[in-house]
Amino acid sequence: MRLLALDAATEHCSVALWMDGRVLERAVEAGKAHAEDLLDMVREVLAEGRVDLAELDGIAASIGPGAFTGVRVSVAVAQGLAFGAGLRVVAVSTLEALALRALEAPAAGAPEHAIACLDARMQEVYWGCFQADAARGLRATTAPRVSAPTQVAVPPCRHAGMGRGFAAYPQLRQVPGIELAEGAAAALPRAREFARLGALRLSLGEDLDPADLQPLYLRDKVADTEAERAARRHDVI
């Protein structure tokens, strides 16, 4: 199976080409997602893999959550490439990609459960809990959420934590049941995990028409109102 994966939902933009388990990857951490960055990296991995876009079996697209602009870029670029080459798409969330990385981290001692957590700004985090699954890589044990760090909780068992939300809000390290391996708190999603999950889902027939690809925002605004900012400052004081 040959599959292209791309993600621009966070400040770490990346592209991966999956070829029967072999992964070619490009990444840039630039702070803002740009369609041009993704397209340049797509051209590079396809050239290195000596494969044309139309020869692929599908595209794994990051649907978020993450930065609103970045999520839109991920979805739009995946749709544009898929429409142009007549390919199907597979939706993968940033939280799923992070959780798979936690579940497969050698230093983590092969955990069976993971929690992925990203900084959502506005004193909130995107998070979700997952369990290892032999057929699908993982499955969600909680719905993806956006909440204050104080509302993060995991089921009563060991969860390997992964994601930059833990660096942004160190109090999350004290949540019972969460263990962090070295470097896990600094992690952002990588296209190689999107590719692995995308390949699994494509093989299971979980592909979509590009027109049906939908972003996962988890919230419907990008900034606090003046009143909300004033209230938050008052709470801090």
Protein backbone atom coordinates (compact mmCIF):
# COMPACT_ATOMS: atom_id res chain seq x y z
CA MET A 1 0.00 0.00 0.00
CA ARG A 2 1.17 3.50 -0.86
CA LEU A 3 -0.37 6.38 1.04
CA LEU A 4 0.39 10.06 1.57
CA ALA A 5 -0.19 11.62 5.01
CA LEU A 6 -0.16 15.30 5.85
CA ASP A 7 -0.69 17.46 8.91
CA ALA A 8 -0.60 21.22 9.45
CA ALA A 9 -2.89 21.46 12.47
CA THR A 10 -0.12 22.53 14.87
CA GLU A 11 3.12 24.47 14.52
CA HIS A 12 4.79 21.21 13.44
CA CYS A 13 3.83 20.75 9.77
CA SER A 14 4.75 17.38 8.33
CA VAL A 15 4.20 15.07 5.37
CA ALA A 16 4.90 11.35 5.12
CA LEU A 17 4.83 8.83 2.29
CA TRP A 18 3.91 5.31 3.43
CA MET A 19 5.07 2.52 1.11
CA ASP A 20 4.23 -0.90 2.56
CA GLY A 21 5.62 0.10 5.95
CA ARG A 22 8.54 2.16 4.70
CA VAL A 23 8.11 5.84 5.64
CA LEU A 24 9.61 8.90 3.97
CA GLU A 25 8.98 12.06 5.96
CA ARG A 26 9.48 15.81 5.82
CA ALA A 27 8.69 18.29 8.58
CA VAL A 28 9.05 21.93 9.48
CA GLU A 29 8.20 23.70 12.72
CA ALA A 30 7.50 27.24 11.60
CA GLY A 31 4.79 28.45 13.96
CA LYS A 32 2.16 28.91 11.24
CA ALA A 33 0.79 26.44 8.75
CA HIS A 34 1.01 27.30 5.06
CA ALA A 35 -0.35 25.33 2.14
CA GLU A 36 2.87 26.08 0.25
CA ASP A 37 4.94 24.34 2.93
CA LEU A 38 2.82 21.21 2.71
CA LEU A 39 2.84 21.13 -1.08
CA ASP A 40 6.62 21.57 -1.20
CA MET A 41 7.06 18.66 1.21
CA VAL A 42 4.58 16.54 -0.77
CA ARG A 43 6.64 17.07 -3.92
CA GLU A 44 9.83 16.15 -2.06
CA VAL A 45 8.60 12.85 -0.59
CA LEU A 46 6.95 11.79 -3.85
CA ALA A 47 10.16 12.52 -5.72
CA GLU A 48 12.23 10.59 -3.17
CA GLY A 49 9.82 7.68 -3.31
CA ARG A 50 9.73 7.83 -7.12
CA VAL A 51 5.96 7.67 -7.19
CA ASP A 52 3.33 9.89 -8.76
CA LEU A 53 0.37 11.17 -6.76
CA ALA A 54 -2.09 9.29 -8.96
CA GLU A 55 -0.27 6.01 -8.18
CA LEU A 56 -1.15 6.23 -4.48
CA ASP A 57 -3.93 4.27 -2.81
CA GLY A 58 -5.14 7.21 -0.74
CA ILE A 59 -4.39 10.23 1.44
CA ALA A 60 -4.48 10.36 5.25
CA ALA A 61 -5.53 13.83 6.34
CA SER A 62 -5.16 15.51 9.70
CA ILE A 63 -8.57 16.86 10.72
CA GLY A 64 -7.50 18.49 14.00
CA PRO A 65 -8.02 19.56 16.65
CA GLY A 66 -5.41 22.28 16.56
CA ALA A 67 -5.00 25.79 15.26
CA PHE A 68 -8.07 26.80 13.26
CA THR A 69 -6.06 27.98 10.25
CA GLY A 70 -3.81 24.94 10.32
CA VAL A 71 -6.74 22.53 10.47
CA ARG A 72 -8.34 24.24 7.49
CA VAL A 73 -5.06 24.03 5.56
CA SER A 74 -4.70 20.30 6.29
CA VAL A 75 -8.23 19.51 5.18
CA ALA A 76 -8.18 21.78 2.11
CA VAL A 77 -4.82 20.54 0.81
CA ALA A 78 -5.83 16.90 1.30
CA GLN A 79 -9.10 17.50 -0.52
CA GLY A 80 -7.40 19.35 -3.38
CA LEU A 81 -4.78 16.66 -3.91
CA ALA A 82 -7.34 13.86 -3.66
CA PHE A 83 -9.79 15.47 -6.06
CA GLY A 84 -7.03 16.16 -8.57
CA ALA A 85 -5.66 12.61 -8.51
CA GLY A 86 -8.96 10.74 -8.05
CA LEU A 87 -7.98 9.40 -4.62
CA ARG A 88 -9.95 8.53 -1.50
CA VAL A 89 -9.09 10.07 1.87
CA VAL A 90 -8.85 8.82 5.45
CA ALA A 91 -9.49 11.10 8.43
CA VAL A 92 -7.07 10.95 11.38
CA SER A 93 -7.14 13.30 14.37
CA THR A 94 -4.09 14.93 15.93
CA LEU A 95 -4.99 13.30 19.25
CA GLU A 96 -5.04 9.85 17.64
CA ALA A 97 -1.64 10.43 16.08
CA LEU A 98 -0.15 11.52 19.40
CA ALA A 99 -1.74 8.62 21.28
CA LEU A 100 -0.38 6.08 18.80
CA ARG A 101 3.08 7.54 19.34
CA ALA A 102 2.65 7.09 23.10
CA LEU A 103 1.39 3.52 22.75
CA GLU A 104 4.29 2.52 20.50
CA ALA A 105 7.09 4.37 22.31
CA PRO A 106 9.77 1.79 23.22
CA ALA A 107 10.77 3.63 26.39
CA ALA A 108 7.19 3.64 27.67
CA GLY A 109 7.14 -0.11 28.28
CA ALA A 110 4.33 -0.91 25.81
CA PRO A 111 1.44 0.76 27.64
CA GLU A 112 -2.10 -0.31 26.79
CA HIS A 113 -3.66 3.12 27.40
CA ALA A 114 -2.65 6.65 26.43
CA ILE A 115 -3.84 10.21 26.83
CA ALA A 116 -3.02 12.80 24.17
CA CYS A 117 -3.03 16.45 25.14
CA LEU A 118 -2.43 19.61 23.10
CA ASP A 119 -2.35 23.25 24.15
CA ALA A 120 -5.62 24.79 22.92
CA ARG A 121 -4.67 28.29 24.14
CA MET A 122 -7.22 30.37 26.08
CA GLN A 123 -6.23 28.39 29.23
CA GLU A 124 -7.61 25.17 27.73
CA VAL A 125 -6.35 21.88 26.32
CA TYR A 126 -7.49 19.46 23.65
CA TRP A 127 -7.37 15.94 25.02
CA GLY A 128 -8.61 12.38 24.63
CA CYS A 129 -7.93 8.89 26.01
CA PHE A 130 -7.20 5.82 23.90
CA GLN A 131 -6.50 2.10 24.17
CA ALA A 132 -4.26 -0.04 21.98
CA ASP A 133 -6.12 -2.09 19.36
CA ALA A 134 -4.41 -4.77 17.31
CA ALA A 135 -6.55 -4.25 14.20
CA ARG A 136 -6.93 -0.47 14.15
CA GLY A 137 -3.83 0.68 16.05
CA LEU A 138 -5.96 2.27 18.75
CA ARG A 139 -9.52 3.07 19.75
CA ALA A 140 -10.91 5.98 21.73
CA THR A 141 -12.02 5.34 25.31
CA THR A 142 -13.25 8.92 25.79
CA ALA A 143 -14.62 11.43 23.32
CA PRO A 144 -12.13 14.13 22.24
CA ARG A 145 -12.62 17.20 24.39
CA VAL A 146 -11.54 20.77 24.93
CA SER A 147 -11.52 21.85 28.56
CA ALA A 148 -9.64 23.60 31.30
CA PRO A 149 -6.63 21.59 32.52
CA THR A 150 -8.41 21.10 35.86
CA GLN A 151 -11.11 19.07 34.10
CA VAL A 152 -8.74 16.51 32.59
CA ALA A 153 -9.24 13.04 34.09
CA VAL A 154 -8.42 9.51 32.94
CA PRO A 155 -10.05 6.14 33.62
CA PRO A 156 -8.50 4.31 36.62
CA CYS A 157 -5.49 2.70 34.97
CA ARG A 158 -2.04 3.69 33.78
CA HIS A 159 -2.06 6.10 30.81
CA ALA A 160 1.06 7.13 28.91
CA GLY A 161 0.80 10.86 28.31
CA MET A 162 1.88 12.52 25.07
CA GLY A 163 1.63 16.07 23.77
CA ARG A 164 2.66 19.66 24.30
CA GLY A 165 -0.35 20.35 26.50
CA PHE A 166 1.63 18.78 29.34
CA ALA A 167 4.41 21.32 28.83
CA ALA A 168 1.99 24.24 28.66
CA TYR A 169 0.16 23.22 31.83
CA PRO A 170 2.57 21.41 34.20
CA GLN A 171 -0.26 20.73 36.69
CA LEU A 172 -1.46 18.00 34.33
CA ARG A 173 1.54 15.93 35.38
CA GLN A 174 -0.16 15.52 38.76
CA VAL A 175 -3.36 13.98 37.38
CA PRO A 176 -3.65 10.44 38.83
CA GLY A 177 -2.97 7.71 36.30
CA ILE A 178 -0.86 9.76 33.86
CA GLU A 179 2.80 8.87 33.28
CA LEU A 180 5.12 10.87 31.05
CA ALA A 181 8.18 9.41 29.35
CA GLU A 182 11.16 11.66 28.67
CA GLY A 183 10.34 14.11 25.88
CA ALA A 184 6.63 13.25 25.80
CA ALA A 185 5.55 16.65 27.12
CA ALA A 186 7.25 18.40 24.19
CA ALA A 187 5.70 16.20 21.50
CA LEU A 188 3.59 17.41 18.60
CA PRO A 189 1.85 15.23 16.00
CA ARG A 190 4.00 13.67 13.25
CA ALA A 191 2.90 12.61 9.79
CA ARG A 192 4.39 9.13 10.24
CA GLU A 193 1.68 8.27 12.80
CA PHE A 194 -1.02 9.71 10.53
CA ALA A 195 0.36 7.48 7.78
CA ARG A 196 0.32 4.34 9.92
CA LEU A 197 -3.24 4.91 11.10
CA GLY A 198 -4.31 5.92 7.62
CA ALA A 199 -2.91 2.72 6.11
CA LEU A 200 -4.72 0.61 8.70
CA ARG A 201 -8.03 2.38 8.12
CA LEU A 202 -7.70 2.30 4.36
CA SER A 203 -7.15 -1.47 4.52
CA LEU A 204 -10.33 -1.75 6.63
CA GLY A 205 -12.37 0.19 4.09
CA GLU A 206 -12.76 3.29 6.25
CA ASP A 207 -11.94 5.71 3.45
CA LEU A 208 -14.06 8.72 2.45
CA ASP A 209 -14.90 10.74 -0.60
CA PRO A 210 -12.79 13.94 -0.32
CA ALA A 211 -15.97 16.03 -0.23
CA ASP A 212 -16.99 14.29 3.01
CA LEU A 213 -13.80 15.16 4.89
CA GLN A 214 -14.69 17.36 7.85
CA PRO A 215 -12.45 19.28 10.30
CA LEU A 216 -12.55 18.53 14.02
CA TYR A 217 -12.39 21.89 15.78
CA LEU A 218 -13.94 20.98 19.20
CA ARG A 219 -14.77 24.62 19.80
CA ASP A 220 -16.34 27.35 17.69
CA LYS A 221 -14.27 30.44 18.50
CA VAL A 222 -10.61 31.38 18.47
CA ALA A 223 -10.41 34.16 21.07
CA ASP A 224 -11.97 35.32 24.32
CA THR A 225 -14.24 38.32 24.45
CA GLU A 226 -13.04 41.36 26.40
CA ALA A 227 -15.40 40.40 29.23
CA GLU A 228 -14.02 36.85 29.36
CA ARG A 229 -10.42 38.11 29.44
CA ALA A 230 -11.29 40.56 32.22
CA ALA A 231 -12.99 37.82 34.21
CA ARG A 232 -9.99 35.53 33.81
CA ARG A 233 -7.62 38.27 34.99
CA HIS A 234 -9.86 38.80 38.00
CA ASP A 235 -9.79 35.09 38.80
CA VAL A 236 -6.00 35.04 38.61
CA ILE A 237 -5.73 38.04 40.94
